[in-house]
C-alpha atoms as a PDB file:
ATOM      1  CA  UNK A   1     133.742 124.604 165.715  1.00  0.00           C
ATOM      2  CA  UNK A   2     133.596 120.792 166.339  1.00  0.00           C
ATOM      3  CA  UNK A   3     132.771 118.964 169.555  1.00  0.00           C
ATOM      4  CA  UNK A   4     132.569 115.361 170.734  1.00  0.00           C
ATOM      5  CA  UNK A   5     131.636 113.647 173.920  1.00  0.00           C
ATOM      6  CA  UNK A   6     129.837 116.836 175.071  1.00  0.00           C
ATOM      7  CA  UNK A   7     132.921 119.012 174.701  1.00  0.00           C
ATOM      8  CA  UNK A   8     132.186 122.030 172.459  1.00  0.00           C
ATOM      9  CA  UNK A   9     134.573 123.745 170.065  1.00  0.00           C
ATOM     10  CA  UNK A  10     134.197 127.514 169.421  1.00  0.00           C
ATOM     11  CA  UNK A  11     134.984 129.085 166.051  1.00  0.00           C
ATOM     12  CA  UNK A  12     135.832 132.755 165.751  1.00  0.00           C
ATOM     13  CA  UNK A  13     135.360 134.718 162.538  1.00  0.00           C
ATOM     14  CA  UNK A  14     135.051 138.268 161.355  1.00  0.00           C
ATOM     15  CA  UNK A  15     132.658 139.184 158.530  1.00  0.00           C
ATOM     16  CA  UNK A  16     135.403 139.130 155.917  1.00  0.00           C
ATOM     17  CA  UNK A  17     136.284 135.515 156.698  1.00  0.00           C
ATOM     18  CA  UNK A  18     133.241 134.305 158.508  1.00  0.00           C
ATOM     19  CA  UNK A  19     131.630 132.546 155.574  1.00  0.00           C
ATOM     20  CA  UNK A  20     133.769 129.426 155.824  1.00  0.00           C
ATOM     21  CA  UNK A  21     133.330 129.354 159.561  1.00  0.00           C
ATOM     22  CA  UNK A  22     129.533 129.724 159.203  1.00  0.00           C
ATOM     23  CA  UNK A  23     129.244 127.001 156.643  1.00  0.00           C
ATOM     24  CA  UNK A  24     131.475 124.794 158.634  1.00  0.00           C
ATOM     25  CA  UNK A  25     129.190 125.058 161.661  1.00  0.00           C
ATOM     26  CA  UNK A  26     126.261 124.081 159.489  1.00  0.00           C
ATOM     27  CA  UNK A  27     128.002 120.943 158.301  1.00  0.00           C
ATOM     28  CA  UNK A  28     129.047 120.036 161.871  1.00  0.00           C
ATOM     29  CA  UNK A  29     125.422 120.521 163.172  1.00  0.00           C
ATOM     30  CA  UNK A  30     124.692 117.194 161.327  1.00  0.00           C
ATOM     31  CA  UNK A  31     126.865 115.333 163.807  1.00  0.00           C
ATOM     32  CA  UNK A  32     125.602 114.213 167.246  1.00  0.00           C
ATOM     33  CA  UNK A  33     127.283 116.845 169.302  1.00  0.00           C
ATOM     34  CA  UNK A  34     126.834 120.479 170.346  1.00  0.00           C
ATOM     35  CA  UNK A  35     128.571 123.199 168.422  1.00  0.00           C
ATOM     36  CA  UNK A  36     128.820 127.048 168.554  1.00  0.00           C
ATOM     37  CA  UNK A  37     129.212 129.441 165.705  1.00  0.00           C
ATOM     38  CA  UNK A  38     131.550 132.459 166.169  1.00  0.00           C
ATOM     39  CA  UNK A  39     130.584 135.782 164.729  1.00  0.00           C
ATOM     40  CA  UNK A  40     132.888 138.694 165.293  1.00  0.00           C
ATOM     41  CA  UNK A  41     131.132 142.004 166.108  1.00  0.00           C
ATOM     42  CA  UNK A  42     133.558 144.954 166.492  1.00  0.00           C
ATOM     43  CA  UNK A  43     136.251 143.680 168.733  1.00  0.00           C
ATOM     44  CA  UNK A  44     134.250 140.898 170.154  1.00  0.00           C
ATOM     45  CA  UNK A  45     133.543 137.310 169.086  1.00  0.00           C
ATOM     46  CA  UNK A  46     130.023 136.168 169.885  1.00  0.00           C
ATOM     47  CA  UNK A  47     129.769 132.344 170.054  1.00  0.00           C
ATOM     48  CA  UNK A  48     126.221 131.518 169.017  1.00  0.00           C
ATOM     49  CA  UNK A  49     124.839 128.089 169.929  1.00  0.00           C
ATOM     50  CA  UNK A  50     123.660 125.746 167.223  1.00  0.00           C
ATOM     51  CA  UNK A  51     122.566 122.938 169.559  1.00  0.00           C
ATOM     52  CA  UNK A  52     124.085 124.198 172.813  1.00  0.00           C
ATOM     53  CA  UNK A  53     121.919 126.388 175.025  1.00  0.00           C
ATOM     54  CA  UNK A  54     124.502 128.888 176.186  1.00  0.00           C
ATOM     55  CA  UNK A  55     125.926 131.904 174.509  1.00  0.00           C
ATOM     56  CA  UNK A  56     129.506 132.930 175.155  1.00  0.00           C
ATOM     57  CA  UNK A  57     131.290 136.152 174.275  1.00  0.00           C
ATOM     58  CA  UNK A  58     134.970 136.424 173.665  1.00  0.00           C
ATOM     59  CA  UNK A  59     137.327 139.310 172.955  1.00  0.00           C
ATOM     60  CA  UNK A  60     140.390 137.935 171.049  1.00  0.00           C
ATOM     61  CA  UNK A  61     142.522 140.762 172.506  1.00  0.00           C
ATOM     62  CA  UNK A  62     141.713 139.631 176.162  1.00  0.00           C
ATOM     63  CA  UNK A  63     143.454 136.563 177.595  1.00  0.00           C
ATOM     64  CA  UNK A  64     140.868 135.784 180.214  1.00  0.00           C
ATOM     65  CA  UNK A  65     138.003 136.161 177.762  1.00  0.00           C
ATOM     66  CA  UNK A  66     139.606 133.763 175.339  1.00  0.00           C
ATOM     67  CA  UNK A  67     140.452 131.208 178.167  1.00  0.00           C
ATOM     68  CA  UNK A  68     136.799 131.297 179.285  1.00  0.00           C
ATOM     69  CA  UNK A  69     135.564 130.699 175.723  1.00  0.00           C
ATOM     70  CA  UNK A  70     137.871 127.780 175.199  1.00  0.00           C
ATOM     71  CA  UNK A  71     137.083 126.010 178.496  1.00  0.00           C
ATOM     72  CA  UNK A  72     136.066 122.411 177.836  1.00  0.00           C
ATOM     73  CA  UNK A  73     136.650 122.637 174.070  1.00  0.00           C
ATOM     74  CA  UNK A  74     137.837 119.527 172.091  1.00  0.00           C
ATOM     75  CA  UNK A  75     138.857 121.542 168.978  1.00  0.00           C
ATOM     76  CA  UNK A  76     139.279 125.132 168.136  1.00  0.00           C
ATOM     77  CA  UNK A  77     139.160 126.827 164.605  1.00  0.00           C
ATOM     78  CA  UNK A  78     140.616 130.336 164.671  1.00  0.00           C
ATOM     79  CA  UNK A  79     139.350 132.138 161.488  1.00  0.00           C
ATOM     80  CA  UNK A  80     139.620 135.713 162.764  1.00  0.00           C
ATOM     81  CA  UNK A  81     141.078 137.919 160.197  1.00  0.00           C
ATOM     82  CA  UNK A  82     141.521 141.594 159.376  1.00  0.00           C
ATOM     83  CA  UNK A  83     141.831 143.250 156.047  1.00  0.00           C
ATOM     84  CA  UNK A  84     141.691 146.944 156.916  1.00  0.00           C
ATOM     85  CA  UNK A  85     143.455 148.336 159.903  1.00  0.00           C
ATOM     86  CA  UNK A  86     141.531 150.659 162.234  1.00  0.00           C
ATOM     87  CA  UNK A  87     143.112 152.165 165.368  1.00  0.00           C
ATOM     88  CA  UNK A  88     144.322 149.413 167.630  1.00  0.00           C
ATOM     89  CA  UNK A  89     142.970 146.739 165.296  1.00  0.00           C
ATOM     90  CA  UNK A  90     146.081 146.085 163.260  1.00  0.00           C
ATOM     91  CA  UNK A  91     147.501 143.288 161.314  1.00  0.00           C
ATOM     92  CA  UNK A  92     149.991 142.620 164.070  1.00  0.00           C
ATOM     93  CA  UNK A  93     147.455 142.771 166.915  1.00  0.00           C
ATOM     94  CA  UNK A  94     144.959 140.361 165.058  1.00  0.00           C
ATOM     95  CA  UNK A  95     147.135 138.036 162.938  1.00  0.00           C
ATOM     96  CA  UNK A  96     150.041 137.703 165.321  1.00  0.00           C
ATOM     97  CA  UNK A  97     149.331 138.657 168.954  1.00  0.00           C
ATOM     98  CA  UNK A  98     145.682 137.323 169.043  1.00  0.00           C
ATOM     99  CA  UNK A  99     146.553 134.210 167.100  1.00  0.00           C
ATOM    100  CA  UNK A 100     149.285 133.376 169.607  1.00  0.00           C
ATOM    101  CA  UNK A 101     146.830 134.213 172.411  1.00  0.00           C
ATOM    102  CA  UNK A 102     144.337 131.759 171.065  1.00  0.00           C
ATOM    103  CA  UNK A 103     147.001 129.067 170.622  1.00  0.00           C
ATOM    104  CA  UNK A 104     148.357 129.644 174.113  1.00  0.00           C
ATOM    105  CA  UNK A 105     145.006 129.350 175.753  1.00  0.00           C
ATOM    106  CA  UNK A 106     144.069 126.336 173.676  1.00  0.00           C
ATOM    107  CA  UNK A 107     147.170 124.517 174.927  1.00  0.00           C
ATOM    108  CA  UNK A 108     146.380 125.502 178.539  1.00  0.00           C
ATOM    109  CA  UNK A 109     142.742 124.370 178.161  1.00  0.00           C
ATOM    110  CA  UNK A 110     143.956 120.963 176.917  1.00  0.00           C
ATOM    111  CA  UNK A 111     142.328 121.380 173.541  1.00  0.00           C
ATOM    112  CA  UNK A 112     142.974 118.294 171.304  1.00  0.00           C
ATOM    113  CA  UNK A 113     142.863 119.987 167.858  1.00  0.00           C
ATOM    114  CA  UNK A 114     143.681 123.565 166.910  1.00  0.00           C
ATOM    115  CA  UNK A 115     143.091 124.680 163.358  1.00  0.00           C
ATOM    116  CA  UNK A 116     144.446 128.122 162.304  1.00  0.00           C
ATOM    117  CA  UNK A 117     143.022 129.690 159.241  1.00  0.00           C
ATOM    118  CA  UNK A 118     145.637 131.703 157.294  1.00  0.00           C
ATOM    119  CA  UNK A 119     145.871 132.298 153.625  1.00  0.00           C
ATOM    120  CA  UNK A 120     147.915 131.158 150.560  1.00  0.00           C
ATOM    121  CA  UNK A 121     151.154 133.134 150.338  1.00  0.00           C
ATOM    122  CA  UNK A 122     151.536 133.739 154.018  1.00  0.00           C
ATOM    123  CA  UNK A 123     155.195 134.636 154.496  1.00  0.00           C
ATOM    124  CA  UNK A 124     157.029 136.132 157.337  1.00  0.00           C
ATOM    125  CA  UNK A 125     159.645 137.621 154.966  1.00  0.00           C
ATOM    126  CA  UNK A 126     157.056 139.287 152.518  1.00  0.00           C
ATOM    127  CA  UNK A 127     157.355 142.989 151.794  1.00  0.00           C
ATOM    128  CA  UNK A 128     153.466 143.231 152.097  1.00  0.00           C
ATOM    129  CA  UNK A 129     152.668 144.004 155.714  1.00  0.00           C
ATOM    130  CA  UNK A 130     149.474 141.991 155.575  1.00  0.00           C
ATOM    131  CA  UNK A 131     151.122 138.856 154.127  1.00  0.00           C
ATOM    132  CA  UNK A 132     154.104 139.249 156.468  1.00  0.00           C
ATOM    133  CA  UNK A 133     151.843 139.348 159.547  1.00  0.00           C
ATOM    134  CA  UNK A 134     150.005 136.376 158.330  1.00  0.00           C
ATOM    135  CA  UNK A 135     153.337 134.500 158.100  1.00  0.00           C
ATOM    136  CA  UNK A 136     154.409 135.774 161.471  1.00  0.00           C
ATOM    137  CA  UNK A 137     151.029 134.609 162.856  1.00  0.00           C
ATOM    138  CA  UNK A 138     151.653 131.069 161.661  1.00  0.00           C
ATOM    139  CA  UNK A 139     155.050 130.998 163.294  1.00  0.00           C
ATOM    140  CA  UNK A 140     153.631 132.303 166.536  1.00  0.00           C
ATOM    141  CA  UNK A 141     150.739 129.713 166.513  1.00  0.00           C
ATOM    142  CA  UNK A 142     153.190 126.815 165.783  1.00  0.00           C
ATOM    143  CA  UNK A 143     155.570 128.021 168.556  1.00  0.00           C
ATOM    144  CA  UNK A 144     152.680 128.020 171.068  1.00  0.00           C
ATOM    145  CA  UNK A 145     150.789 124.932 169.902  1.00  0.00           C
ATOM    146  CA  UNK A 146     153.288 122.455 168.248  1.00  0.00           C
ATOM    147  CA  UNK A 147     150.672 120.248 166.744  1.00  0.00           C
ATOM    148  CA  UNK A 148     148.465 122.986 165.361  1.00  0.00           C
ATOM    149  CA  UNK A 149     147.089 122.542 161.729  1.00  0.00           C
ATOM    150  CA  UNK A 150     147.072 125.301 159.233  1.00  0.00           C
ATOM    151  CA  UNK A 151     144.587 125.996 156.473  1.00  0.00           C
ATOM    152  CA  UNK A 152     145.498 128.448 153.670  1.00  0.00           C
ATOM    153  CA  UNK A 153     142.619 129.082 151.381  1.00  0.00           C
ATOM    154  CA  UNK A 154     142.833 131.034 148.196  1.00  0.00           C
ATOM    155  CA  UNK A 155     140.376 133.883 147.751  1.00  0.00           C
ATOM    156  CA  UNK A 156     136.913 132.460 148.723  1.00  0.00           C
ATOM    157  CA  UNK A 157     133.634 133.013 146.953  1.00  0.00           C
ATOM    158  CA  UNK A 158     130.085 132.281 147.500  1.00  0.00           C
ATOM    159  CA  UNK A 159     126.573 133.725 147.639  1.00  0.00           C
ATOM    160  CA  UNK A 160     126.472 137.256 149.180  1.00  0.00           C
ATOM    161  CA  UNK A 161     130.338 137.376 149.479  1.00  0.00           C
ATOM    162  CA  UNK A 162     132.450 140.484 149.034  1.00  0.00           C
ATOM    163  CA  UNK A 163     134.332 139.026 146.152  1.00  0.00           C
ATOM    164  CA  UNK A 164     132.382 137.520 143.336  1.00  0.00           C
ATOM    165  CA  UNK A 165     129.111 139.353 144.121  1.00  0.00           C
ATOM    166  CA  UNK A 166     130.993 142.634 144.037  1.00  0.00           C
ATOM    167  CA  UNK A 167     132.651 141.785 140.716  1.00  0.00           C
ATOM    168  CA  UNK A 168     129.272 140.911 139.202  1.00  0.00           C
ATOM    169  CA  UNK A 169     127.695 144.054 140.503  1.00  0.00           C
ATOM    170  CA  UNK A 170     130.394 146.258 139.125  1.00  0.00           C
ATOM    171  CA  UNK A 171     130.395 144.599 135.802  1.00  0.00           C
ATOM    172  CA  UNK A 172     126.767 145.234 135.447  1.00  0.00           C
ATOM    173  CA  UNK A 173     126.887 148.838 136.582  1.00  0.00           C
ATOM    174  CA  UNK A 174     130.108 150.296 135.085  1.00  0.00           C
ATOM    175  CA  UNK A 175     130.316 151.131 131.444  1.00  0.00           C
ATOM    176  CA  UNK A 176     134.094 150.462 131.626  1.00  0.00           C
ATOM    177  CA  UNK A 177     135.548 148.167 134.227  1.00  0.00           C
ATOM    178  CA  UNK A 178     138.975 149.359 135.640  1.00  0.00           C
ATOM    179  CA  UNK A 179     141.514 146.490 136.027  1.00  0.00           C
ATOM    180  CA  UNK A 180     144.324 146.274 138.444  1.00  0.00           C
ATOM    181  CA  UNK A 181     147.308 146.644 136.141  1.00  0.00           C
ATOM    182  CA  UNK A 182     147.149 144.553 133.055  1.00  0.00           C
ATOM    183  CA  UNK A 183     145.059 141.860 134.733  1.00  0.00           C
ATOM    184  CA  UNK A 184     147.787 139.173 134.786  1.00  0.00           C
ATOM    185  CA  UNK A 185     147.780 138.405 138.564  1.00  0.00           C
ATOM    186  CA  UNK A 186     146.775 134.695 138.917  1.00  0.00           C
ATOM    187  CA  UNK A 187     143.956 133.657 141.216  1.00  0.00           C
ATOM    188  CA  UNK A 188     142.450 130.228 142.091  1.00  0.00           C
ATOM    189  CA  UNK A 189     139.149 131.056 143.785  1.00  0.00           C
ATOM    190  CA  UNK A 190     137.842 128.395 146.223  1.00  0.00           C
ATOM    191  CA  UNK A 191     134.222 127.897 146.957  1.00  0.00           C
ATOM    192  CA  UNK A 192     133.465 128.697 150.612  1.00  0.00           C
ATOM    193  CA  UNK A 193     131.472 125.523 151.177  1.00  0.00           C
ATOM    194  CA  UNK A 194     134.260 123.402 149.931  1.00  0.00           C
ATOM    195  CA  UNK A 195     136.679 125.065 152.360  1.00  0.00           C
ATOM    196  CA  UNK A 196     134.134 124.652 155.159  1.00  0.00           C
ATOM    197  CA  UNK A 197     133.916 120.985 154.282  1.00  0.00           C
ATOM    198  CA  UNK A 198     137.633 120.728 154.337  1.00  0.00           C
ATOM    199  CA  UNK A 199     137.809 122.265 157.801  1.00  0.00           C
ATOM    200  CA  UNK A 200     135.264 119.659 159.039  1.00  0.00           C
ATOM    201  CA  UNK A 201     137.269 116.776 157.516  1.00  0.00           C
ATOM    202  CA  UNK A 202     140.539 118.063 158.869  1.00  0.00           C
ATOM    203  CA  UNK A 203     138.930 118.290 162.322  1.00  0.00           C
ATOM    204  CA  UNK A 204     137.728 114.736 162.080  1.00  0.00           C
ATOM    205  CA  UNK A 205     140.870 113.161 160.851  1.00  0.00           C
ATOM    206  CA  UNK A 206     142.924 110.867 163.048  1.00  0.00           C
ATOM    207  CA  UNK A 207     145.689 112.560 164.948  1.00  0.00           C
ATOM    208  CA  UNK A 208     147.811 114.389 162.376  1.00  0.00           C
ATOM    209  CA  UNK A 209     151.223 116.113 162.852  1.00  0.00           C
ATOM    210  CA  UNK A 210     151.337 119.814 162.290  1.00  0.00           C
ATOM    211  CA  UNK A 211     150.365 120.224 158.673  1.00  0.00           C
ATOM    212  CA  UNK A 212     149.724 123.033 156.180  1.00  0.00           C
ATOM    213  CA  UNK A 213     146.795 122.617 153.839  1.00  0.00           C
ATOM    214  CA  UNK A 214     146.366 124.844 150.787  1.00  0.00           C
ATOM    215  CA  UNK A 215     142.902 125.012 149.188  1.00  0.00           C
ATOM    216  CA  UNK A 216     142.394 126.480 145.683  1.00  0.00           C
ATOM    217  CA  UNK A 217     139.538 125.939 143.205  1.00  0.00           C
ATOM    218  CA  UNK A 218     139.739 123.733 140.148  1.00  0.00           C
ATOM    219  CA  UNK A 219     140.964 126.482 137.807  1.00  0.00           C
ATOM    220  CA  UNK A 220     143.660 129.080 137.858  1.00  0.00           C
ATOM    221  CA  UNK A 221     142.661 132.340 136.221  1.00  0.00           C
ATOM    222  CA  UNK A 222     144.427 135.549 135.337  1.00  0.00           C
ATOM    223  CA  UNK A 223     142.539 138.460 136.827  1.00  0.00           C
ATOM    224  CA  UNK A 224     141.274 139.335 133.382  1.00  0.00           C
ATOM    225  CA  UNK A 225     140.243 135.871 132.530  1.00  0.00           C
ATOM    226  CA  UNK A 226     138.282 135.712 135.879  1.00  0.00           C
ATOM    227  CA  UNK A 227     136.467 138.863 134.994  1.00  0.00           C
ATOM    228  CA  UNK A 228     135.580 137.644 131.559  1.00  0.00           C
ATOM    229  CA  UNK A 229     134.479 134.306 132.922  1.00  0.00           C
ATOM    230  CA  UNK A 230     132.101 136.097 135.328  1.00  0.00           C
ATOM    231  CA  UNK A 231     130.785 138.387 132.620  1.00  0.00           C
ATOM    232  CA  UNK A 232     130.241 135.516 130.176  1.00  0.00           C
ATOM    233  CA  UNK A 233     128.114 133.653 132.703  1.00  0.00           C
ATOM    234  CA  UNK A 234     126.046 136.642 133.328  1.00  0.00           C
ATOM    235  CA  UNK A 235     125.586 137.428 129.647  1.00  0.00           C
ATOM    236  CA  UNK A 236     127.606 140.596 129.700  1.00  0.00           C
ATOM    237  CA  UNK A 237     130.179 141.972 127.247  1.00  0.00           C
ATOM    238  CA  UNK A 238     132.453 144.152 129.475  1.00  0.00           C
ATOM    239  CA  UNK A 239     134.961 146.801 128.351  1.00  0.00           C
ATOM    240  CA  UNK A 240     137.998 146.163 130.553  1.00  0.00           C
ATOM    241  CA  UNK A 241     140.442 149.031 131.032  1.00  0.00           C
ATOM    242  CA  UNK A 242     143.965 148.407 132.397  1.00  0.00           C
ATOM    243  CA  UNK A 243     144.908 150.889 135.029  1.00  0.00           C
ATOM    244  CA  UNK A 244     148.673 151.110 135.984  1.00  0.00           C
ATOM    245  CA  UNK A 245     149.252 149.830 139.574  1.00  0.00           C
ATOM    246  CA  UNK A 246     150.979 153.120 140.381  1.00  0.00           C
ATOM    247  CA  UNK A 247     147.735 154.940 139.823  1.00  0.00           C
ATOM    248  CA  UNK A 248     145.805 152.456 142.077  1.00  0.00           C
ATOM    249  CA  UNK A 249     148.556 153.093 144.820  1.00  0.00           C
ATOM    250  CA  UNK A 250     147.996 156.761 144.580  1.00  0.00           C
ATOM    251  CA  UNK A 251     144.285 156.430 144.750  1.00  0.00           C
ATOM    252  CA  UNK A 252     144.533 154.100 147.772  1.00  0.00           C
ATOM    253  CA  UNK A 253     146.906 156.582 149.461  1.00  0.00           C
ATOM    254  CA  UNK A 254     144.250 159.316 149.042  1.00  0.00           C
ATOM    255  CA  UNK A 255     141.411 157.059 150.157  1.00  0.00           C
ATOM    256  CA  UNK A 256     143.174 156.151 153.377  1.00  0.00           C
ATOM    257  CA  UNK A 257     142.949 159.834 154.432  1.00  0.00           C
ATOM    258  CA  UNK A 258     139.191 159.435 154.960  1.00  0.00           C
ATOM    259  CA  UNK A 259     137.554 157.522 157.810  1.00  0.00           C
ATOM    260  CA  UNK A 260     135.693 155.241 155.333  1.00  0.00           C
ATOM    261  CA  UNK A 261     138.260 153.785 153.093  1.00  0.00           C
ATOM    262  CA  UNK A 262     137.115 152.589 149.706  1.00  0.00           C
ATOM    263  CA  UNK A 263     140.489 151.256 148.967  1.00  0.00           C
ATOM    264  CA  UNK A 264     143.758 150.676 150.826  1.00  0.00           C
ATOM    265  CA  UNK A 265     147.344 150.278 149.716  1.00  0.00           C
ATOM    266  CA  UNK A 266     147.345 146.862 151.338  1.00  0.00           C
ATOM    267  CA  UNK A 267     144.514 145.703 148.989  1.00  0.00           C
ATOM    268  CA  UNK A 268     146.471 147.020 145.960  1.00  0.00           C
ATOM    269  CA  UNK A 269     149.506 145.130 147.107  1.00  0.00           C
ATOM    270  CA  UNK A 270     147.501 141.892 147.321  1.00  0.00           C
ATOM    271  CA  UNK A 271     146.310 142.354 143.762  1.00  0.00           C
ATOM    272  CA  UNK A 272     149.925 142.149 142.600  1.00  0.00           C
ATOM    273  CA  UNK A 273     150.611 138.831 144.214  1.00  0.00           C
ATOM    274  CA  UNK A 274     149.483 135.442 142.701  1.00  0.00           C
ATOM    275  CA  UNK A 275     147.360 133.388 145.214  1.00  0.00           C
ATOM    276  CA  UNK A 276     147.696 129.845 143.685  1.00  0.00           C
ATOM    277  CA  UNK A 277     147.912 126.678 145.791  1.00  0.00           C
ATOM    278  CA  UNK A 278     151.206 124.807 145.776  1.00  0.00           C
ATOM    279  CA  UNK A 279     151.260 121.359 144.304  1.00  0.00           C
ATOM    280  CA  UNK A 280     153.662 120.331 147.105  1.00  0.00           C
ATOM    281  CA  UNK A 281     151.041 121.147 149.779  1.00  0.00           C
ATOM    282  CA  UNK A 282     148.100 118.765 150.660  1.00  0.00           C
ATOM    283  CA  UNK A 283     144.767 120.289 149.526  1.00  0.00           C
ATOM    284  CA  UNK A 284     141.208 119.318 148.573  1.00  0.00           C
ATOM    285  CA  UNK A 285     142.326 116.116 146.835  1.00  0.00           C
ATOM    286  CA  UNK A 286     144.038 114.915 150.036  1.00  0.00           C
ATOM    287  CA  UNK A 287     140.704 115.113 151.862  1.00  0.00           C
ATOM    288  CA  UNK A 288     138.644 113.564 149.016  1.00  0.00           C
ATOM    289  CA  UNK A 289     136.873 116.773 148.010  1.00  0.00           C
ATOM    290  CA  UNK A 290     136.257 117.766 144.329  1.00  0.00           C
ATOM    291  CA  UNK A 291     136.120 121.674 144.493  1.00  0.00           C
ATOM    292  CA  UNK A 292     133.292 123.544 142.690  1.00  0.00           C
ATOM    293  CA  UNK A 293     134.159 125.959 139.836  1.00  0.00           C
ATOM    294  CA  UNK A 294     133.368 129.622 139.829  1.00  0.00           C
ATOM    295  CA  UNK A 295     131.149 129.027 136.772  1.00  0.00           C
ATOM    296  CA  UNK A 296     129.059 126.328 138.416  1.00  0.00           C
ATOM    297  CA  UNK A 297     128.375 128.361 141.585  1.00  0.00           C
ATOM    298  CA  UNK A 298     127.775 131.549 139.657  1.00  0.00           C
ATOM    299  CA  UNK A 299     125.127 129.781 137.564  1.00  0.00           C
ATOM    300  CA  UNK A 300     123.348 128.750 140.743  1.00  0.00           C
ATOM    301  CA  UNK A 301     123.611 132.259 142.173  1.00  0.00           C
ATOM    302  CA  UNK A 302     122.202 133.756 138.954  1.00  0.00           C
ATOM    303  CA  UNK A 303     119.384 131.166 138.849  1.00  0.00           C
ATOM    304  CA  UNK A 304     118.387 131.893 142.500  1.00  0.00           C
ATOM    305  CA  UNK A 305     118.260 135.602 141.606  1.00  0.00           C
ATOM    306  CA  UNK A 306     115.596 134.858 139.113  1.00  0.00           C
END
């Protein structure tokens, strides 16, 4: 994602997590070096030039493909993520095996800086398969690239995202909004451009020992508080209906029987776990960034919509 002295640094990202990578590329384009933006399409990562004139394609499941993409890179940001498993695209294959593959090849390529994007709560001992594989992925990356840096953002939001935009759309369309449980799960949403800026600053820092950064926004909400805050900004008066988590699990189990899954048990599990940054971990403040609030960005989004 960054480059210096003519050495480029690719960034890989899938649609669910590509927003931070994309905004990060835009920020880096202001610096006097070439950069490439990574966009994941299917099982392939397309490295799109911002200033460079070549396009490289890399499949994170293929060692040679990754090695070719990393050749000559100064720094690498691995932001590839998976939220719904499909066939051979599993949490283990993407979050653990592919993460280790990128780290291995980054070391062999002589990359100076490797940043691995994970998520708040990543824990190799978690009962949630998604969170467990995130944690195992961090361990695999650190074992392969000892000086790797880790970034754990909270749930991210921004224009045209799959989080805040979806909540707003459903609040407008549904006469009654079904909540996950009693709406007490705590969230600390982080603005995607703030996370992107943090990635840039971490990449630019002087040599740093392996560190875990956790990035959360300026306010911690309960799920219900977040829904009401979004509704208030949009001038809505929602009727929120608590739905037992057991019912959501049953719905997700039924949904997983169909090719196009509207909901998965993994997603329900994630809505039972707080995603709040730890005060013991360096975060936005460490990098001199004042994060934007949900309310501020939502007002801009609503104003732009006319």
